[in-house]
Amino acid sequence: MFSRVLGHQRQKNLLQKAIRCGRLPHAYLFEGPDGIGKRLVALALIKMLFCNNESACGDCPACQKVDHHNHPDLHQVGPEGNSIKIEQIRTLQKELSYRPLEANHKVCLIDGAEKMNLAAANALLKTLEEPRDQTLLILLTPSPDSILPTIRSRCQRLPFSRIPREKLQEVLVEQLQIGDAQAHILATLSEGSFKKAFGKDRELYLKRRRELLKTLTGLSKGSILPLLKLAQEFADEKDLLFDILEIIQAFYRDLLLLKHGRPKEDLVNIDLMETLEQTSRKEDTLSLLGKLDALTATRRHLERNANRQLAMEVLLLKLVA
């Protein structure tokens, strides 16, 4: 089953060795960026523990129950609203107090562990301090520093890295049946995240990106009304706004690289070379660095819940300056 998960070979080897030697810890902390395969590795590990054929075959009743989220010995916890609450952890503790029903272990998968509120985290800490036999907790997080140090210290930490762009690009060409140029753009903008590359961001990166950048580069210092309209359109895209900022940032990063003679392969927007070259002639290094700084500052302001409309208006005014 691990063979079906792309990348993360070191992590898969460590987990397989722990199972073979019977030396699984009572808790793992899988840490790394969202969408890169941490959850897939965790589910593959669970199948190896539960499988009727002891091989994570994917076909036996136990593996099928894991896939359908109805195995009685697998308990999954995630945020309800914006956080994981103490009531969820107390329910989990009650479940873990019973013996396994079908497998040799009871396993709990906590996805988004950094979102436990303080009461929930302290409750989970008690479980980690007094682990029961035949139980395994797997915590998944992109932000390990947001988890209580006392929880981190009681888990075996397993860091995960982004899938290399070249490897992800090969998979995209094969599975999505797209060309090398599109796969290059998608792999680069998704930053090694399967979730982004195969999910809702795909259309944004491949189709809307071109329209977005065409509109952006068409603005001028005197085009105030079109600028305000575009700022409003961006602000209304609440769920995609950070992805839009990443697209714009990649464009200006491309311009900076182009200014310094970097090869086409180092750029993201390789399908927009004419636009890049035309825009590059209007910019110098200092102006590009200033615009990249403005994009970074805008992202920071939005993370602090600044007014989206105002933030985008200020940004666009700086980008067309």
Protein backbone atom coordinates (compact mmCIF):
# COMPACT_ATOMS: atom_id res chain seq x y z
CA MET A 1 0.00 0.00 0.00
CA PHE A 2 2.93 2.35 0.68
CA SER A 3 4.01 1.79 -2.91
CA ARG A 4 0.86 3.60 -4.08
CA VAL A 5 1.88 6.78 -2.25
CA LEU A 6 4.16 8.98 -4.33
CA GLY A 7 7.39 10.10 -2.67
CA HIS A 8 8.25 10.15 1.05
CA GLN A 9 10.38 7.01 0.72
CA ARG A 10 12.37 7.65 3.89
CA GLN A 11 9.21 8.04 5.96
CA LYS A 12 7.65 4.90 4.47
CA ASN A 13 10.80 2.90 5.17
CA LEU A 14 10.87 4.02 8.81
CA LEU A 15 7.21 3.09 9.33
CA GLN A 16 7.58 -0.31 7.67
CA LYS A 17 10.63 -1.05 9.82
CA ALA A 18 8.75 -0.06 12.98
CA ILE A 19 5.91 -2.45 12.10
CA ARG A 20 8.28 -5.32 11.21
CA CYS A 21 10.19 -4.93 14.46
CA GLY A 22 7.06 -4.46 16.56
CA ARG A 23 8.35 -1.10 17.77
CA LEU A 24 5.59 1.31 16.90
CA PRO A 25 5.46 4.26 19.30
CA HIS A 26 2.19 5.15 20.99
CA ALA A 27 1.98 8.43 19.05
CA TYR A 28 3.32 9.95 15.82
CA LEU A 29 3.39 13.58 14.78
CA PHE A 30 3.37 13.81 10.96
CA GLU A 31 4.43 17.36 10.17
CA GLY A 32 4.77 19.14 6.83
CA PRO A 33 2.89 21.36 4.37
CA ASP A 34 -0.76 20.68 3.54
CA GLY A 35 -1.63 18.47 0.61
CA ILE A 36 1.70 16.68 0.18
CA GLY A 37 0.58 13.18 1.24
CA LYS A 38 0.85 13.00 5.05
CA ARG A 39 -2.71 11.72 5.37
CA LEU A 40 -2.20 9.17 2.58
CA VAL A 41 0.86 7.79 4.38
CA ALA A 42 -1.07 7.67 7.67
CA LEU A 43 -3.96 5.74 6.07
CA ALA A 44 -1.50 3.33 4.43
CA LEU A 45 0.07 2.71 7.84
CA ILE A 46 -3.35 2.07 9.36
CA LYS A 47 -4.18 -0.41 6.62
CA MET A 48 -0.95 -2.27 7.30
CA LEU A 49 -2.01 -2.61 10.94
CA PHE A 50 -5.62 -3.60 10.20
CA CYS A 51 -5.34 -5.64 6.99
CA ASN A 52 -6.78 -9.18 7.14
CA ASN A 53 -3.92 -10.29 4.88
CA GLU A 54 -1.26 -8.35 6.83
CA SER A 55 -0.21 -6.60 3.63
CA ALA A 56 -2.41 -3.49 3.31
CA CYS A 57 -3.90 -5.20 0.26
CA GLY A 58 -6.63 -2.61 -0.20
CA ASP A 59 -9.17 -5.30 -1.07
CA CYS A 60 -9.97 -7.12 2.16
CA PRO A 61 -12.92 -6.09 4.38
CA ALA A 62 -10.62 -4.32 6.87
CA CYS A 63 -8.92 -2.20 4.17
CA GLN A 64 -12.28 -1.41 2.60
CA LYS A 65 -13.62 -0.23 5.96
CA VAL A 66 -10.65 2.11 6.34
CA ASP A 67 -11.35 3.52 2.87
CA HIS A 68 -15.01 4.04 3.75
CA HIS A 69 -14.25 5.52 7.17
CA ASN A 70 -16.30 2.93 9.04
CA HIS A 71 -13.71 0.67 10.66
CA PRO A 72 -14.69 0.31 14.35
CA ASP A 73 -11.07 0.58 15.51
CA LEU A 74 -10.26 3.74 13.56
CA HIS A 75 -11.32 7.04 15.08
CA GLN A 76 -10.83 10.26 13.13
CA VAL A 77 -10.88 13.73 14.65
CA GLY A 78 -10.79 17.06 12.83
CA PRO A 79 -11.79 20.65 13.43
CA GLU A 80 -15.45 21.39 14.03
CA GLY A 81 -15.70 24.93 12.75
CA ASN A 82 -12.38 26.60 13.46
CA SER A 83 -11.07 24.32 16.19
CA ILE A 84 -10.89 20.87 17.73
CA LYS A 85 -12.81 21.06 20.99
CA ILE A 86 -12.43 19.31 24.32
CA GLU A 87 -15.68 17.40 23.83
CA GLN A 88 -14.16 15.72 20.76
CA ILE A 89 -11.08 14.67 22.73
CA ARG A 90 -13.21 13.36 25.60
CA THR A 91 -15.22 11.26 23.14
CA LEU A 92 -11.94 9.97 21.72
CA GLN A 93 -10.64 9.09 25.18
CA LYS A 94 -13.77 7.08 25.88
CA GLU A 95 -13.35 5.15 22.62
CA LEU A 96 -9.69 4.45 23.35
CA SER A 97 -10.58 3.04 26.77
CA TYR A 98 -12.13 -0.04 25.11
CA ARG A 99 -10.28 -2.96 23.58
CA PRO A 100 -10.00 -3.22 19.79
CA LEU A 101 -13.03 -4.88 18.22
CA GLU A 102 -11.59 -6.27 14.98
CA ALA A 103 -7.92 -5.29 14.70
CA ASN A 104 -4.92 -5.63 16.99
CA HIS A 105 -4.81 -1.88 17.54
CA LYS A 106 -7.11 1.05 18.06
CA VAL A 107 -5.92 4.02 16.03
CA CYS A 108 -6.86 7.67 16.23
CA LEU A 109 -6.07 10.05 13.38
CA ILE A 110 -6.14 13.73 14.39
CA ASP A 111 -6.04 15.87 11.24
CA GLY A 112 -5.29 19.55 11.81
CA ALA A 113 -3.84 18.90 15.26
CA GLU A 114 -2.63 22.51 15.50
CA LYS A 115 -6.30 23.56 15.71
CA MET A 116 -6.90 21.96 19.10
CA ASN A 117 -7.97 24.63 21.55
CA LEU A 118 -6.08 24.78 24.83
CA ALA A 119 -8.59 22.69 26.76
CA ALA A 120 -8.57 19.99 24.06
CA ALA A 121 -4.77 19.97 23.91
CA ASN A 122 -4.47 19.58 27.67
CA ALA A 123 -7.01 16.75 27.62
CA LEU A 124 -5.07 14.96 24.86
CA LEU A 125 -1.89 15.42 26.85
CA LYS A 126 -3.27 13.19 29.58
CA THR A 127 -3.84 10.44 27.03
CA LEU A 128 -0.29 10.81 25.75
CA GLU A 129 1.15 10.76 29.27
CA GLU A 130 -0.61 7.48 30.09
CA PRO A 131 -0.79 5.59 26.77
CA ARG A 132 -2.79 2.38 26.69
CA ASP A 133 -1.51 -0.79 25.11
CA GLN A 134 -2.67 -1.51 21.57
CA THR A 135 -3.40 2.14 20.81
CA LEU A 136 -1.77 4.45 18.29
CA LEU A 137 -2.37 8.17 17.83
CA ILE A 138 -1.33 9.89 14.60
CA LEU A 139 -1.38 13.69 14.63
CA LEU A 140 -1.18 15.54 11.31
CA THR A 141 -0.15 19.18 11.10
CA PRO A 142 1.43 21.74 8.77
CA SER A 143 2.35 23.87 11.82
CA PRO A 144 4.09 21.83 14.54
CA ASP A 145 5.15 24.98 16.39
CA SER A 146 1.45 25.72 17.01
CA ILE A 147 1.11 22.51 19.05
CA LEU A 148 1.92 22.46 22.76
CA PRO A 149 5.61 21.57 23.33
CA THR A 150 4.52 18.97 25.87
CA ILE A 151 2.45 17.21 23.19
CA ARG A 152 5.25 17.40 20.63
CA SER A 153 7.71 15.89 23.09
CA ARG A 154 5.45 12.87 23.68
CA CYS A 155 5.12 12.03 19.98
CA GLN A 156 7.63 10.57 17.60
CA ARG A 157 8.01 13.36 15.07
CA LEU A 158 8.16 12.49 11.40
CA PRO A 159 8.76 15.48 9.09
CA PHE A 160 7.47 15.41 5.49
CA SER A 161 8.77 17.55 2.64
CA ARG A 162 7.14 18.78 -0.55
CA ILE A 163 7.22 16.48 -3.56
CA PRO A 164 10.02 17.62 -5.94
CA ARG A 165 8.63 19.64 -8.83
CA GLU A 166 10.10 17.35 -11.49
CA LYS A 167 8.50 14.26 -9.93
CA LEU A 168 5.11 15.92 -9.54
CA GLN A 169 5.33 17.19 -13.10
CA GLU A 170 5.81 13.63 -14.41
CA VAL A 171 2.77 12.42 -12.50
CA LEU A 172 0.62 15.31 -13.76
CA VAL A 173 1.51 14.58 -17.38
CA GLU A 174 0.66 10.91 -16.90
CA GLN A 175 -2.51 11.18 -14.83
CA LEU A 176 -4.07 14.38 -16.18
CA GLN A 177 -3.01 13.86 -19.77
CA ILE A 178 -1.72 17.42 -20.08
CA GLY A 179 1.31 18.83 -21.89
CA ASP A 180 4.73 19.42 -20.37
CA ALA A 181 4.27 23.21 -20.24
CA GLN A 182 0.96 22.96 -18.35
CA ALA A 183 2.39 20.31 -16.02
CA HIS A 184 5.40 22.56 -15.34
CA ILE A 185 3.16 25.51 -14.42
CA LEU A 186 0.81 23.41 -12.30
CA ALA A 187 3.63 21.61 -10.48
CA THR A 188 5.46 24.86 -9.73
CA LEU A 189 2.47 26.86 -8.52
CA SER A 190 1.11 23.98 -6.41
CA GLU A 191 4.48 23.84 -4.58
CA GLY A 192 4.55 20.07 -4.35
CA SER A 193 0.98 19.83 -3.06
CA PHE A 194 -1.17 17.06 -4.56
CA LYS A 195 -4.23 18.73 -3.10
CA LYS A 196 -3.59 21.91 -5.07
CA ALA A 197 -2.41 20.23 -8.26
CA PHE A 198 -5.36 17.82 -8.50
CA GLY A 199 -8.01 19.91 -6.75
CA LYS A 200 -9.93 23.13 -7.23
CA ASP A 201 -6.80 25.20 -7.81
CA ARG A 202 -6.07 23.46 -11.12
CA GLU A 203 -8.42 25.62 -13.19
CA LEU A 204 -7.15 28.73 -11.42
CA TYR A 205 -3.53 27.90 -12.19
CA LEU A 206 -4.01 26.78 -15.79
CA LYS A 207 -6.84 28.90 -17.20
CA ARG A 208 -7.77 31.82 -14.98
CA ARG A 209 -4.11 32.62 -14.30
CA ARG A 210 -3.66 33.77 -17.91
CA GLU A 211 -6.76 35.99 -17.80
CA LEU A 212 -5.80 37.37 -14.39
CA LEU A 213 -2.27 38.33 -15.46
CA LYS A 214 -3.52 39.78 -18.75
CA THR A 215 -5.90 42.06 -16.83
CA LEU A 216 -3.21 42.98 -14.31
CA THR A 217 -0.60 43.91 -16.91
CA GLY A 218 -3.22 45.93 -18.79
CA LEU A 219 -3.61 48.36 -15.90
CA SER A 220 -1.85 51.72 -15.93
CA LYS A 221 -1.31 54.55 -13.45
CA GLY A 222 -4.31 56.43 -14.78
CA SER A 223 -6.72 53.47 -14.89
CA ILE A 224 -8.23 54.04 -11.45
CA LEU A 225 -11.72 52.68 -12.14
CA PRO A 226 -10.47 49.42 -13.73
CA LEU A 227 -8.00 49.11 -10.83
CA LEU A 228 -10.75 49.50 -8.21
CA LYS A 229 -12.93 47.00 -10.08
CA LEU A 230 -10.12 44.42 -10.16
CA ALA A 231 -9.42 45.00 -6.47
CA GLN A 232 -13.09 44.29 -5.72
CA GLU A 233 -13.01 41.13 -7.82
CA PHE A 234 -9.94 39.90 -5.95
CA ALA A 235 -11.44 40.80 -2.56
CA ASP A 236 -14.61 38.85 -3.39
CA GLU A 237 -12.50 35.72 -4.01
CA LYS A 238 -12.09 35.12 -0.28
CA ASP A 239 -11.27 31.39 -0.53
CA LEU A 240 -8.83 31.85 -3.41
CA LEU A 241 -7.26 35.18 -2.53
CA PHE A 242 -3.99 33.77 -1.21
CA ASP A 243 -3.67 31.57 -4.30
CA ILE A 244 -4.26 34.64 -6.49
CA LEU A 245 -1.53 36.49 -4.61
CA GLU A 246 0.81 33.53 -5.18
CA ILE A 247 0.11 33.68 -8.93
CA ILE A 248 0.87 37.41 -9.01
CA GLN A 249 3.99 36.90 -6.89
CA ALA A 250 5.22 34.15 -9.22
CA PHE A 251 4.75 36.51 -12.19
CA TYR A 252 6.90 39.25 -10.65
CA ARG A 253 9.44 36.67 -9.51
CA ASP A 254 9.63 35.51 -13.14
CA LEU A 255 10.27 39.10 -14.25
CA LEU A 256 13.10 39.42 -11.74
CA LEU A 257 14.68 36.16 -12.88
CA LEU A 258 14.31 37.19 -16.50
CA LYS A 259 16.07 40.48 -15.72
CA HIS A 260 19.03 38.50 -14.44
CA GLY A 261 19.24 36.21 -17.44
CA ARG A 262 17.91 33.04 -15.86
CA PRO A 263 16.87 30.28 -18.30
CA LYS A 264 13.24 29.67 -19.24
CA GLU A 265 13.19 26.44 -17.20
CA ASP A 266 13.57 28.45 -13.99
CA LEU A 267 10.40 30.45 -14.65
CA VAL A 268 6.81 29.57 -13.77
CA ASN A 269 4.83 31.25 -16.53
CA ILE A 270 6.65 29.69 -19.46
CA ASP A 271 3.50 29.96 -21.60
CA LEU A 272 3.53 33.76 -21.24
CA MET A 273 7.07 34.51 -22.41
CA GLU A 274 5.98 37.35 -24.72
CA THR A 275 4.10 39.06 -21.89
CA LEU A 276 7.02 38.55 -19.52
CA GLU A 277 9.52 40.03 -21.98
CA GLN A 278 7.31 43.04 -22.75
CA THR A 279 6.67 43.75 -19.07
CA SER A 280 10.30 43.17 -18.14
CA ARG A 281 11.40 46.01 -20.42
CA LYS A 282 9.27 48.44 -18.38
CA GLU A 283 10.75 47.39 -15.02
CA ASP A 284 14.10 47.52 -13.25
CA THR A 285 15.42 45.40 -10.42
CA LEU A 286 14.54 47.89 -7.67
CA SER A 287 10.95 48.28 -8.87
CA LEU A 288 10.46 44.52 -9.03
CA LEU A 289 11.89 44.01 -5.55
CA GLY A 290 9.55 46.72 -4.27
CA LYS A 291 6.53 45.02 -5.82
CA LEU A 292 7.50 41.65 -4.39
CA ASP A 293 7.83 43.30 -0.97
CA ALA A 294 4.36 44.81 -1.41
CA LEU A 295 2.92 41.37 -2.18
CA THR A 296 4.55 39.90 0.94
CA ALA A 297 3.22 42.76 3.07
CA THR A 298 -0.29 42.33 1.65
CA ARG A 299 -0.28 38.64 2.51
CA ARG A 300 0.81 39.50 6.05
CA HIS A 301 -1.94 42.10 6.45
CA LEU A 302 -4.59 39.67 5.19
CA GLU A 303 -3.41 37.01 7.63
CA ARG A 304 -4.15 39.57 10.34
CA ASN A 305 -7.70 40.03 8.98
CA ALA A 306 -7.14 43.37 7.29
CA ASN A 307 -9.93 44.73 5.08
CA ARG A 308 -9.58 42.73 1.85
CA GLN A 309 -10.89 45.43 -0.46
CA LEU A 310 -8.58 48.11 0.95
CA ALA A 311 -5.59 45.76 1.01
CA MET A 312 -6.04 44.86 -2.65
CA GLU A 313 -6.54 48.49 -3.71
CA VAL A 314 -3.29 49.51 -1.99
CA LEU A 315 -1.46 46.55 -3.54
CA LEU A 316 -2.63 47.22 -7.08
CA LEU A 317 -1.71 50.90 -6.79
CA LYS A 318 1.82 49.83 -5.90
CA LEU A 319 1.96 47.25 -8.70
CA VAL A 320 1.04 49.77 -11.41
CA ALA A 321 3.30 52.52 -10.05
